[in-house]
Amino acid sequence: MRATSFPLEASEWPHLLASIDMGSNSFRLEIAELSKGRYKRIDYLKETVRLGAGLDAQGLLTEAATQRGLTCLARFAQRLKGFAPWQVRAVATQTLREARNRDAFLARADQVLGHEIEVISGREEARLIYQGVARLQPSELPRLVIDIGGRSTEMILGHGRSALRAESFRVGSVSLSMAHFPQGRFTAQAFRSAQIAAGAELEEALTPFARANWHAALGSSGTVGAVSQILVANQISDGSITADGLRWCMEQCLQAGSMDALTLAGLKPERKAVLGGGLSILYTLAIHFGIESLRPAKGALRQGVIFDLEERIEAASNQRHHDQRDTSVRELQRRFHVDLSQADRVRQSALALWDGLHEDGTHQADSDAVRELGWASAVHEIGMMVSHHDHHRHSAYLLGHVDAPGFSQSQLRHLAGLVLGQRGELTKLADHRQDTGLMNQVLCLRLATILHHARTALPAKVAHLLTAHGKAVLTLEENWAQQSPRTMHLLNEEAQRWANQGDRTLVIKAEA
């Protein structure tokens, strides 16, 4: 990818970065300063929102849960006043991966927060969790990192800073507690059934995450931290979580009979409702994965997001730095046997057309749009692996459903939309005609694929795109145009499509 200047909009706190982790149980805001590889926490806010408990039987987020989330985000927005968009990254996890009405929630949440919220895949969540742990608690020994959230559990095998295997499983402390401990009642049968349910979900992980594959086990985030604090406060352990310690915790729950009657030193009130499910998952992991001792980790998802954001900023401003998304695009090209020469031809032309379209300075600061166009161009033909016929539809489907580290689900859907729009009728983009930025990306990608339809390079400066009097004008070098009647035929057909179905007039002309 070519280097682009990162849009460093004015900020009152230019030395700070912030992350928001919208988990199924809690929302967290972390503000930190990174300097010379050192991480310094500036502020940390946490609220128990129980978003995951607000999914109804139809998979819809209830209005009550929505309001809890929006109220929390409004408070976070107050703390983030003075921060520029490039300094903040907000990610949402399992509950919004599941919610059928998530787009409606996100539209309201983005407005309240003042920053775009990304829904990330389970594997991406796991990768970011490991990144947070690996940076704040470095080790060269192979490790198992576990994060038990409200509706999902992430397991990662890593070595040094590299996550070798990262998986997400749809079982968490909120969902398991709701299903097996209704009204907060603790019974032996409830613990047995919850452990069976957790084991059924985690069983496929037994081989890849077997005891022989790691040296030490670490637990990240809320559930592990909460249980560790209980064990310390009651002098059961030094904070290490063991099978014996978990059995002691479950026995205390059984003696109390219900969460309302449970009084345990170190147990925070907001953790009572999800303790049964959390203990059941931990005990299942300890027994079936041979975890003799699980230690709380220093890092978590929110720190991983900040480290990832730092990498993005550095990569966008300096080509030598690493952006995980660039690596993922190259891996997709490799996996689907993309014609790299053709992909690069299309990418270079699409970006050159984009530059011409914005040479008046509009959108120049939007490096995200430039990078999205470059990525879409690089993988616009991955569907060829499935079928040459309608390959753009196959490419769009793959991008909309693939795991690509570094990308959020919403980013992948956006790339899928661009790739779907690379050819054919424009009617499929009718719902996006008011999105000028997206339509500009589509126009540049479509024109680039037409200019290289013969899979050959173009002479230098043969095509130039600009905006004039509300029209998009593609100017071609006259001699080349005369020698390329088939390409001119396709371009004139394209102009007719935009006249009938697009959001603007496209003019094709040749000049000496």
Protein backbone atom coordinates (compact mmCIF):
# COMPACT_ATOMS: atom_id res chain seq x y z
CA MET A 1 0.00 0.00 0.00
CA ARG A 2 1.19 3.49 -0.74
CA ALA A 3 1.82 5.78 2.21
CA THR A 4 -0.80 8.38 3.05
CA SER A 5 -0.70 11.26 5.45
CA PHE A 6 -2.75 10.62 8.58
CA PRO A 7 -5.37 13.28 9.26
CA LEU A 8 -4.06 14.73 12.50
CA GLU A 9 -6.97 17.03 13.23
CA ALA A 10 -6.52 19.52 16.02
CA SER A 11 -6.73 17.99 19.48
CA GLU A 12 -6.48 19.33 23.00
CA TRP A 13 -4.67 16.12 24.00
CA PRO A 14 -2.52 15.13 20.98
CA HIS A 15 -0.30 12.82 23.06
CA LEU A 16 -3.18 10.60 24.22
CA LEU A 17 -5.09 7.67 22.72
CA ALA A 18 -8.41 6.27 23.89
CA SER A 19 -10.27 2.98 23.47
CA ILE A 20 -13.82 1.97 24.27
CA ASP A 21 -14.66 -1.69 24.85
CA MET A 22 -18.43 -2.22 24.57
CA GLY A 23 -18.66 -5.65 26.15
CA SER A 24 -21.74 -7.71 26.83
CA ASN A 25 -21.56 -7.05 30.56
CA SER A 26 -19.55 -3.84 30.96
CA PHE A 27 -18.51 -0.83 28.89
CA ARG A 28 -14.96 0.40 29.49
CA LEU A 29 -13.12 3.56 28.47
CA GLU A 30 -9.34 3.58 28.67
CA ILE A 31 -7.19 6.66 28.02
CA ALA A 32 -3.45 6.16 27.78
CA GLU A 33 -0.20 7.74 26.76
CA LEU A 34 2.31 5.70 24.75
CA SER A 35 5.86 6.95 24.68
CA LYS A 36 8.96 5.05 23.57
CA GLY A 37 7.19 1.73 23.97
CA ARG A 38 5.91 2.52 27.45
CA TYR A 39 2.22 2.43 28.33
CA LYS A 40 0.87 4.89 30.89
CA ARG A 41 -2.79 4.80 31.88
CA ILE A 42 -4.23 8.30 32.21
CA ASP A 43 -7.85 7.43 32.98
CA TYR A 44 -10.15 4.41 33.17
CA LEU A 45 -13.93 4.39 33.38
CA LYS A 46 -16.09 1.29 33.70
CA GLU A 47 -19.85 0.87 33.88
CA THR A 48 -21.91 -2.30 34.21
CA VAL A 49 -24.36 -1.96 31.32
CA ARG A 50 -25.52 -5.61 30.90
CA LEU A 51 -26.10 -5.11 27.19
CA GLY A 52 -25.97 -8.87 26.71
CA ALA A 53 -28.88 -9.37 29.09
CA GLY A 54 -30.96 -7.15 26.83
CA LEU A 55 -31.20 -9.53 23.87
CA ASP A 56 -34.74 -10.87 23.63
CA ALA A 57 -35.87 -14.25 22.29
CA GLN A 58 -35.91 -12.87 18.73
CA GLY A 59 -32.32 -11.68 18.98
CA LEU A 60 -33.31 -8.03 19.22
CA LEU A 61 -31.72 -5.57 21.61
CA THR A 62 -34.44 -4.20 23.87
CA GLU A 63 -35.05 -0.49 24.26
CA ALA A 64 -34.16 -0.70 27.96
CA ALA A 65 -30.75 -2.20 27.18
CA THR A 66 -30.28 0.30 24.37
CA GLN A 67 -30.92 3.18 26.75
CA ARG A 68 -28.43 1.77 29.29
CA GLY A 69 -25.81 1.64 26.58
CA LEU A 70 -26.55 5.12 25.23
CA THR A 71 -26.50 6.65 28.72
CA CYS A 72 -23.07 5.16 29.37
CA LEU A 73 -21.74 6.30 25.99
CA ALA A 74 -22.99 9.84 26.66
CA ARG A 75 -20.86 9.91 29.81
CA PHE A 76 -17.87 8.59 27.89
CA ALA A 77 -18.43 11.30 25.27
CA GLN A 78 -18.15 13.95 27.97
CA ARG A 79 -14.78 12.56 29.04
CA LEU A 80 -13.56 12.48 25.44
CA LYS A 81 -14.25 16.15 24.72
CA GLY A 82 -11.23 17.65 23.02
CA PHE A 83 -10.16 14.33 21.46
CA ALA A 84 -9.92 14.17 17.66
CA PRO A 85 -11.42 11.18 15.78
CA TRP A 86 -7.99 9.70 15.02
CA GLN A 87 -7.28 9.36 18.75
CA VAL A 88 -10.32 7.23 19.62
CA ARG A 89 -11.34 3.71 18.64
CA ALA A 90 -14.54 2.12 19.93
CA VAL A 91 -15.19 -1.61 19.46
CA ALA A 92 -18.26 -3.71 20.21
CA THR A 93 -18.22 -7.46 20.79
CA GLN A 94 -20.51 -10.49 20.99
CA THR A 95 -23.85 -8.89 21.88
CA LEU A 96 -23.74 -6.59 18.86
CA ARG A 97 -22.40 -9.41 16.72
CA GLU A 98 -25.62 -11.25 17.55
CA ALA A 99 -28.18 -8.43 17.72
CA ARG A 100 -30.40 -8.39 14.63
CA ASN A 101 -31.12 -4.69 15.12
CA ARG A 102 -27.51 -3.70 15.71
CA ASP A 103 -27.43 -1.21 12.83
CA ALA A 104 -30.27 0.76 14.41
CA PHE A 105 -28.46 0.75 17.74
CA LEU A 106 -25.14 1.78 16.15
CA ALA A 107 -26.74 4.70 14.31
CA ARG A 108 -27.91 6.11 17.65
CA ALA A 109 -24.75 5.15 19.52
CA ASP A 110 -22.39 6.74 16.98
CA GLN A 111 -24.28 10.00 17.31
CA VAL A 112 -24.27 9.96 21.12
CA LEU A 113 -20.59 9.02 21.39
CA GLY A 114 -19.42 11.27 18.58
CA HIS A 115 -17.12 8.54 17.26
CA GLU A 116 -17.73 5.59 14.96
CA ILE A 117 -18.24 2.24 16.68
CA GLU A 118 -16.81 -0.88 15.06
CA VAL A 119 -18.31 -4.33 15.57
CA ILE A 120 -15.37 -6.73 15.56
CA SER A 121 -15.41 -10.47 14.90
CA GLY A 122 -14.68 -12.99 17.62
CA ARG A 123 -11.26 -13.83 16.22
CA GLU A 124 -10.39 -10.15 15.90
CA GLU A 125 -11.44 -9.66 19.51
CA ALA A 126 -9.18 -12.54 20.51
CA ARG A 127 -6.26 -11.12 18.53
CA LEU A 128 -6.62 -7.71 20.19
CA ILE A 129 -6.89 -9.28 23.65
CA TYR A 130 -3.62 -11.10 23.09
CA GLN A 131 -2.00 -7.93 21.79
CA GLY A 132 -2.90 -6.15 25.02
CA VAL A 133 -1.57 -9.00 27.18
CA ALA A 134 1.60 -9.52 25.14
CA ARG A 135 2.58 -5.85 25.26
CA LEU A 136 1.84 -5.28 28.96
CA GLN A 137 3.03 -8.68 30.20
CA PRO A 138 5.78 -9.76 27.79
CA SER A 139 7.14 -13.30 27.77
CA GLU A 140 8.91 -15.53 25.30
CA LEU A 141 7.25 -18.67 26.65
CA PRO A 142 4.24 -20.17 24.82
CA ARG A 143 1.08 -19.07 26.64
CA LEU A 144 -2.64 -19.69 26.76
CA VAL A 145 -4.68 -16.52 27.24
CA ILE A 146 -8.36 -16.77 28.16
CA ASP A 147 -10.96 -13.99 28.27
CA ILE A 148 -14.43 -14.82 29.58
CA GLY A 149 -16.84 -12.09 28.55
CA GLY A 150 -20.57 -11.71 28.93
CA ARG A 151 -21.59 -13.71 25.86
CA SER A 152 -18.36 -15.13 24.49
CA THR A 153 -15.11 -16.70 25.61
CA GLU A 154 -11.88 -16.06 23.72
CA MET A 155 -8.93 -18.47 23.78
CA ILE A 156 -5.55 -17.57 22.32
CA LEU A 157 -2.31 -19.49 21.97
CA GLY A 158 0.61 -17.13 21.65
CA HIS A 159 4.37 -16.89 21.64
CA GLY A 160 6.00 -13.55 22.33
CA ARG A 161 3.89 -10.91 20.60
CA SER A 162 2.46 -13.32 18.03
CA ALA A 163 -0.98 -14.90 18.42
CA LEU A 164 -0.57 -18.33 16.87
CA ARG A 165 -4.19 -19.47 17.27
CA ALA A 166 -7.10 -17.23 18.24
CA GLU A 167 -10.68 -18.47 18.60
CA SER A 168 -13.96 -17.18 20.03
CA PHE A 169 -16.71 -19.37 21.49
CA ARG A 170 -20.31 -18.35 22.05
CA VAL A 171 -20.53 -18.92 25.76
CA GLY A 172 -20.12 -16.23 28.40
CA SER A 173 -20.88 -15.37 32.01
CA VAL A 174 -24.07 -13.42 31.19
CA SER A 175 -25.60 -15.85 28.71
CA LEU A 176 -24.77 -18.92 30.83
CA SER A 177 -26.06 -17.32 34.04
CA MET A 178 -29.33 -16.32 32.39
CA ALA A 179 -29.86 -19.81 30.99
CA HIS A 180 -28.89 -21.92 34.03
CA PHE A 181 -29.25 -19.68 37.10
CA PRO A 182 -32.65 -18.00 36.64
CA GLN A 183 -33.56 -15.47 39.33
CA GLY A 184 -30.04 -15.92 40.65
CA ARG A 185 -30.71 -19.32 42.27
CA PHE A 186 -27.70 -21.57 42.93
CA THR A 187 -28.21 -25.35 42.87
CA ALA A 188 -25.88 -28.27 42.28
CA GLN A 189 -27.91 -29.26 39.21
CA ALA A 190 -27.62 -25.71 37.83
CA PHE A 191 -23.83 -25.83 38.12
CA ARG A 192 -23.73 -29.28 36.48
CA SER A 193 -25.93 -28.26 33.56
CA ALA A 194 -24.00 -25.00 33.09
CA GLN A 195 -20.69 -26.89 33.00
CA ILE A 196 -22.07 -29.37 30.47
CA ALA A 197 -23.29 -26.50 28.28
CA ALA A 198 -19.93 -24.73 28.53
CA GLY A 199 -18.09 -27.97 27.78
CA ALA A 200 -20.20 -28.63 24.71
CA GLU A 201 -19.33 -25.20 23.32
CA LEU A 202 -15.62 -25.48 24.16
CA GLU A 203 -15.12 -29.13 23.21
CA GLU A 204 -13.80 -28.36 19.74
CA ALA A 205 -10.94 -26.41 21.36
CA LEU A 206 -9.61 -29.42 23.28
CA THR A 207 -7.04 -30.44 20.67
CA PRO A 208 -5.70 -27.08 19.44
CA PHE A 209 -5.48 -25.66 22.98
CA ALA A 210 -4.26 -28.85 24.65
CA ARG A 211 -1.98 -28.62 27.69
CA ALA A 212 1.08 -29.69 25.68
CA ASN A 213 0.84 -26.54 23.55
CA TRP A 214 1.48 -23.94 26.26
CA HIS A 215 3.65 -23.27 29.28
CA ALA A 216 1.50 -20.89 31.36
CA ALA A 217 -2.13 -19.78 31.41
CA LEU A 218 -3.35 -16.20 31.88
CA GLY A 219 -6.86 -14.86 32.26
CA SER A 220 -7.82 -11.47 30.93
CA SER A 221 -10.55 -9.02 31.94
CA GLY A 222 -13.62 -9.14 34.20
CA THR A 223 -14.58 -12.70 35.13
CA VAL A 224 -11.05 -13.87 35.90
CA GLY A 225 -10.28 -10.67 37.81
CA ALA A 226 -13.47 -10.94 39.86
CA VAL A 227 -12.88 -14.57 40.90
CA SER A 228 -9.22 -13.87 41.63
CA GLN A 229 -10.21 -11.03 43.97
CA ILE A 230 -12.64 -13.32 45.84
CA LEU A 231 -9.94 -15.94 46.36
CA VAL A 232 -7.46 -13.35 47.66
CA ALA A 233 -9.98 -11.62 49.94
CA ASN A 234 -10.93 -14.94 51.53
CA GLN A 235 -7.31 -16.12 51.80
CA ILE A 236 -7.97 -19.11 49.57
CA SER A 237 -5.07 -18.35 47.22
CA ASP A 238 -2.66 -15.60 46.22
CA GLY A 239 -4.95 -14.74 43.32
CA SER A 240 -4.25 -17.83 41.26
CA ILE A 241 -7.40 -19.61 40.10
CA THR A 242 -7.31 -23.38 40.61
CA ALA A 243 -9.88 -26.16 40.45
CA ASP A 244 -9.86 -26.37 44.25
CA GLY A 245 -10.43 -22.64 44.56
CA LEU A 246 -13.31 -22.77 42.09
CA ARG A 247 -14.92 -25.65 43.98
CA TRP A 248 -14.70 -23.56 47.16
CA CYS A 249 -16.41 -20.63 45.40
CA MET A 250 -19.20 -22.84 44.09
CA GLU A 251 -19.71 -24.34 47.56
CA GLN A 252 -20.19 -20.83 48.98
CA CYS A 253 -22.80 -20.16 46.31
CA LEU A 254 -24.63 -23.40 47.13
CA GLN A 255 -24.64 -22.62 50.84
CA ALA A 256 -26.12 -19.17 50.13
CA GLY A 257 -28.71 -20.62 47.74
CA SER A 258 -29.15 -17.39 45.79
CA MET A 259 -27.16 -14.40 44.68
CA ASP A 260 -29.19 -12.12 46.97
CA ALA A 261 -28.10 -14.11 50.01
CA LEU A 262 -24.49 -14.45 48.88
CA THR A 263 -22.00 -12.46 50.94
CA LEU A 264 -18.40 -13.06 49.93
CA ALA A 265 -15.46 -10.85 50.72
CA GLY A 266 -14.08 -9.39 47.51
CA LEU A 267 -17.29 -9.92 45.51
CA LYS A 268 -18.58 -6.71 43.98
CA PRO A 269 -22.39 -6.34 43.90
CA GLU A 270 -22.51 -5.96 40.11
CA ARG A 271 -20.77 -9.33 39.71
CA LYS A 272 -23.32 -11.40 41.65
CA ALA A 273 -25.73 -11.85 38.74
CA VAL A 274 -23.07 -13.37 36.47
CA LEU A 275 -20.97 -15.27 39.02
CA GLY A 276 -22.63 -18.66 38.48
CA GLY A 277 -21.97 -18.66 34.75
CA GLY A 278 -18.43 -17.35 35.17
CA LEU A 279 -17.50 -20.01 37.73
CA SER A 280 -18.97 -22.74 35.53
CA ILE A 281 -16.90 -21.72 32.52
CA LEU A 282 -13.73 -21.40 34.58
CA TYR A 283 -14.21 -24.82 36.18
CA THR A 284 -14.86 -26.42 32.79
CA LEU A 285 -11.68 -24.85 31.41
CA ALA A 286 -9.61 -25.89 34.42
CA ILE A 287 -10.73 -29.52 34.34
CA HIS A 288 -10.85 -30.19 30.60
CA PHE A 289 -7.81 -28.16 29.51
CA GLY A 290 -5.52 -29.16 32.35
CA ILE A 291 -5.13 -25.66 33.75
CA GLU A 292 -3.49 -26.13 37.16
CA SER A 293 -3.27 -22.38 37.78
CA LEU A 294 -4.79 -19.45 35.93
CA ARG A 295 -3.22 -16.09 36.74
CA PRO A 296 -4.89 -12.72 36.05
CA ALA A 297 -3.23 -10.93 33.13
CA LYS A 298 -2.24 -7.28 33.09
CA GLY A 299 -3.56 -6.58 29.58
CA ALA A 300 -7.02 -6.84 28.04
CA LEU A 301 -9.01 -5.93 24.94
CA ARG A 302 -9.04 -2.20 25.66
CA GLN A 303 -5.24 -2.00 25.82
CA GLY A 304 -4.92 -4.14 22.70
CA VAL A 305 -7.17 -1.70 20.85
CA ILE A 306 -4.92 1.20 21.87
CA PHE A 307 -1.77 -0.60 20.74
CA ASP A 308 -3.47 -1.45 17.44
CA LEU A 309 -4.58 2.16 17.03
CA GLU A 310 -1.00 3.32 17.56
CA GLU A 311 0.17 0.94 14.82
CA ARG A 312 -2.46 2.27 12.44
CA ILE A 313 -1.43 5.86 13.03
CA GLU A 314 2.23 5.06 12.48
CA ALA A 315 1.52 2.96 9.38
CA ALA A 316 -0.63 5.68 7.82
CA SER A 317 2.04 8.32 8.34
CA ASN A 318 5.09 6.13 7.66
CA GLN A 319 5.09 3.31 5.13
CA ARG A 320 7.77 1.41 7.05
CA HIS A 321 5.43 0.82 9.98
CA HIS A 322 3.08 -2.16 10.18
CA ASP A 323 -0.71 -2.09 9.80
CA GLN A 324 -2.32 -5.47 10.39
CA ARG A 325 -4.92 -4.73 7.71
CA ASP A 326 -2.25 -4.52 5.00
CA THR A 327 -0.98 -7.93 6.08
CA SER A 328 -4.53 -9.34 5.97
CA VAL A 329 -5.08 -8.03 2.44
CA ARG A 330 -1.87 -9.69 1.25
CA GLU A 331 -2.95 -12.93 2.94
CA LEU A 332 -6.34 -12.79 1.17
CA GLN A 333 -4.56 -12.29 -2.14
CA ARG A 334 -2.39 -15.32 -1.43
CA ARG A 335 -5.22 -17.52 -0.16
CA PHE A 336 -7.45 -16.84 -3.16
CA HIS A 337 -4.68 -16.85 -5.78
CA VAL A 338 -5.25 -13.28 -6.92
CA ASP A 339 -3.53 -12.09 -10.11
CA LEU A 340 -1.18 -9.71 -8.27
CA SER A 341 -0.14 -7.80 -11.38
CA GLN A 342 -3.74 -7.06 -12.33
CA ALA A 343 -4.65 -6.15 -8.77
CA ASP A 344 -1.77 -3.68 -8.59
CA ARG A 345 -2.66 -2.16 -11.97
CA VAL A 346 -6.23 -1.57 -10.88
CA ARG A 347 -5.15 -0.26 -7.49
CA GLN A 348 -2.68 2.24 -8.91
CA SER A 349 -5.19 3.55 -11.45
CA ALA A 350 -8.06 3.72 -8.95
CA LEU A 351 -5.92 5.75 -6.53
CA ALA A 352 -4.71 8.05 -9.32
CA LEU A 353 -8.31 8.66 -10.41
CA TRP A 354 -9.25 9.37 -6.78
CA ASP A 355 -6.46 11.93 -6.50
CA GLY A 356 -7.69 13.69 -9.62
CA LEU A 357 -11.26 13.66 -8.39
CA HIS A 358 -10.13 15.44 -5.21
CA GLU A 359 -7.33 17.61 -6.52
CA ASP A 360 -9.29 20.66 -5.37
CA GLY A 361 -8.50 19.56 -1.81
CA THR A 362 -11.86 18.02 -0.90
CA HIS A 363 -11.59 14.78 1.07
CA GLN A 364 -7.78 14.95 0.98
CA ALA A 365 -7.71 14.44 4.73
CA ASP A 366 -9.81 11.28 4.46
CA SER A 367 -6.96 8.80 4.32
CA ASP A 368 -9.35 6.04 5.46
CA ALA A 369 -11.27 6.39 2.20
CA VAL A 370 -8.03 6.22 0.22
CA ARG A 371 -6.90 3.10 2.04
CA GLU A 372 -10.31 1.45 1.65
CA LEU A 373 -10.18 2.06 -2.09
CA GLY A 374 -6.68 0.59 -2.23
CA TRP A 375 -7.71 -2.49 -0.26
CA ALA A 376 -10.85 -3.02 -2.34
CA SER A 377 -8.81 -2.77 -5.53
CA ALA A 378 -6.24 -5.24 -4.21
CA VAL A 379 -8.86 -7.93 -3.49
CA HIS A 380 -11.54 -7.09 -6.05
CA GLU A 381 -10.95 -10.40 -7.86
CA ILE A 382 -10.77 -12.87 -4.98
CA GLY A 383 -14.10 -14.29 -6.19
CA MET A 384 -12.34 -15.58 -9.31
CA MET A 385 -11.31 -18.52 -7.11
CA VAL A 386 -14.99 -19.50 -6.97
CA SER A 387 -16.09 -18.70 -10.51
CA HIS A 388 -15.17 -16.32 -13.31
CA HIS A 389 -18.87 -15.67 -13.94
CA ASP A 390 -20.17 -12.92 -11.63
CA HIS A 391 -16.88 -13.00 -9.77
CA HIS A 392 -17.67 -9.61 -8.23
CA ARG A 393 -20.60 -11.15 -6.37
CA HIS A 394 -18.42 -13.98 -5.08
CA SER A 395 -15.73 -11.47 -4.08
CA ALA A 396 -18.29 -9.41 -2.16
CA TYR A 397 -19.65 -12.47 -0.37
CA LEU A 398 -16.19 -13.63 0.68
CA LEU A 399 -15.22 -10.19 1.98
CA GLY A 400 -18.46 -9.92 3.91
CA HIS A 401 -17.89 -13.22 5.70
CA VAL A 402 -14.12 -13.77 5.94
CA ASP A 403 -12.00 -13.35 9.08
CA ALA A 404 -9.40 -10.69 8.30
CA PRO A 405 -7.31 -9.59 11.31
CA GLY A 406 -7.30 -5.84 11.81
CA PHE A 407 -10.62 -5.24 10.07
CA SER A 408 -13.92 -4.74 11.85
CA GLN A 409 -17.04 -6.41 10.49
CA SER A 410 -18.36 -3.02 9.36
CA GLN A 411 -15.14 -2.29 7.46
CA LEU A 412 -15.32 -5.64 5.70
CA ARG A 413 -18.95 -5.02 4.78
CA HIS A 414 -17.91 -1.65 3.33
CA LEU A 415 -15.18 -3.28 1.25
CA ALA A 416 -17.68 -5.92 0.16
CA GLY A 417 -20.01 -3.16 -1.03
CA LEU A 418 -17.24 -1.52 -3.04
CA VAL A 419 -16.23 -4.80 -4.64
CA LEU A 420 -19.85 -5.65 -5.43
CA GLY A 421 -20.14 -2.28 -7.16
CA GLN A 422 -17.05 -2.75 -9.35
CA ARG A 423 -19.11 -3.81 -12.38
CA GLY A 424 -22.66 -4.39 -13.60
CA GLU A 425 -25.73 -2.28 -12.94
CA LEU A 426 -25.66 0.56 -10.43
CA THR A 427 -29.16 -0.16 -9.17
CA LYS A 428 -27.66 -2.41 -6.48
CA LEU A 429 -26.18 0.76 -4.97
CA ALA A 430 -29.44 2.71 -5.00
CA ASP A 431 -29.56 2.87 -1.19
CA HIS A 432 -26.13 4.53 -1.14
CA ARG A 433 -26.66 7.27 -3.71
CA GLN A 434 -26.63 9.92 -1.00
CA ASP A 435 -23.21 8.75 0.23
CA THR A 436 -20.97 10.81 -2.05
CA GLY A 437 -17.77 9.40 -0.57
CA LEU A 438 -18.76 5.79 -1.22
CA MET A 439 -19.99 6.61 -4.73
CA ASN A 440 -16.67 8.32 -5.46
CA GLN A 441 -14.87 5.14 -4.40
CA VAL A 442 -17.16 3.03 -6.57
CA LEU A 443 -16.65 5.32 -9.58
CA CYS A 444 -12.85 5.14 -9.31
CA LEU A 445 -12.85 1.35 -8.91
CA ARG A 446 -15.25 0.82 -11.82
CA LEU A 447 -13.28 3.05 -14.16
CA ALA A 448 -9.99 1.41 -13.15
CA THR A 449 -11.33 -2.09 -13.88
CA ILE A 450 -12.58 -0.94 -17.28
CA LEU A 451 -9.29 0.75 -18.17
CA HIS A 452 -7.50 -2.52 -17.36
CA HIS A 453 -10.15 -4.92 -18.66
CA ALA A 454 -7.58 -6.35 -21.11
CA ARG A 455 -5.27 -7.01 -18.13
CA THR A 456 -2.53 -4.78 -19.50
CA ALA A 457 -0.78 -1.68 -18.20
CA LEU A 458 -1.65 1.85 -19.35
CA PRO A 459 0.79 4.45 -20.64
CA ALA A 460 1.62 7.13 -18.09
CA LYS A 461 -0.94 9.92 -17.65
CA VAL A 462 -3.34 8.47 -20.21
CA ALA A 463 -6.43 9.05 -18.03
CA HIS A 464 -7.38 11.84 -15.67
CA LEU A 465 -10.58 12.21 -13.63
CA LEU A 466 -11.84 15.49 -12.21
CA THR A 467 -15.00 17.20 -11.06
CA ALA A 468 -16.31 20.12 -13.10
CA HIS A 469 -19.67 21.87 -12.69
CA GLY A 470 -21.08 18.95 -10.72
CA LYS A 471 -20.00 16.38 -13.32
CA ALA A 472 -17.28 13.73 -13.23
CA VAL A 473 -15.10 14.19 -16.30
CA LEU A 474 -12.74 11.43 -17.46
CA THR A 475 -10.23 12.85 -19.92
CA LEU A 476 -8.23 10.39 -22.03
CA GLU A 477 -5.17 10.96 -24.17
CA GLU A 478 -6.50 11.25 -27.74
CA ASN A 479 -4.05 8.94 -29.51
CA TRP A 480 -4.56 6.23 -26.94
CA ALA A 481 -8.34 6.60 -27.19
CA GLN A 482 -8.23 6.20 -30.95
CA GLN A 483 -6.16 3.04 -30.60
CA SER A 484 -8.45 1.57 -27.90
CA PRO A 485 -11.94 1.38 -29.42
CA ARG A 486 -13.05 -1.54 -27.23
CA THR A 487 -12.12 0.25 -24.03
CA MET A 488 -13.82 3.42 -25.29
CA HIS A 489 -16.94 1.38 -26.02
CA LEU A 490 -16.98 0.09 -22.41
CA LEU A 491 -16.38 3.58 -21.02
CA ASN A 492 -19.24 5.04 -23.03
CA GLU A 493 -21.50 2.26 -21.75
CA GLU A 494 -20.37 3.17 -18.25
CA ALA A 495 -21.27 6.83 -18.80
CA GLN A 496 -24.75 5.74 -19.85
CA ARG A 497 -25.15 3.68 -16.68
CA TRP A 498 -24.28 6.66 -14.50
CA ALA A 499 -26.72 8.83 -16.45
CA ASN A 500 -29.54 6.33 -15.87
CA GLN A 501 -28.71 4.87 -12.45
CA GLY A 502 -25.90 6.79 -10.76
CA ASP A 503 -25.69 9.86 -8.56
CA ARG A 504 -23.96 12.09 -11.14
CA THR A 505 -23.19 12.66 -14.78
CA LEU A 506 -20.05 10.99 -16.11
CA VAL A 507 -18.46 12.62 -19.17
CA ILE A 508 -15.91 10.73 -21.28
CA LYS A 509 -13.75 12.83 -23.59
CA ALA A 510 -10.45 12.59 -25.45
CA GLU A 511 -7.94 15.40 -25.79
CA ALA A 512 -4.57 15.75 -27.46
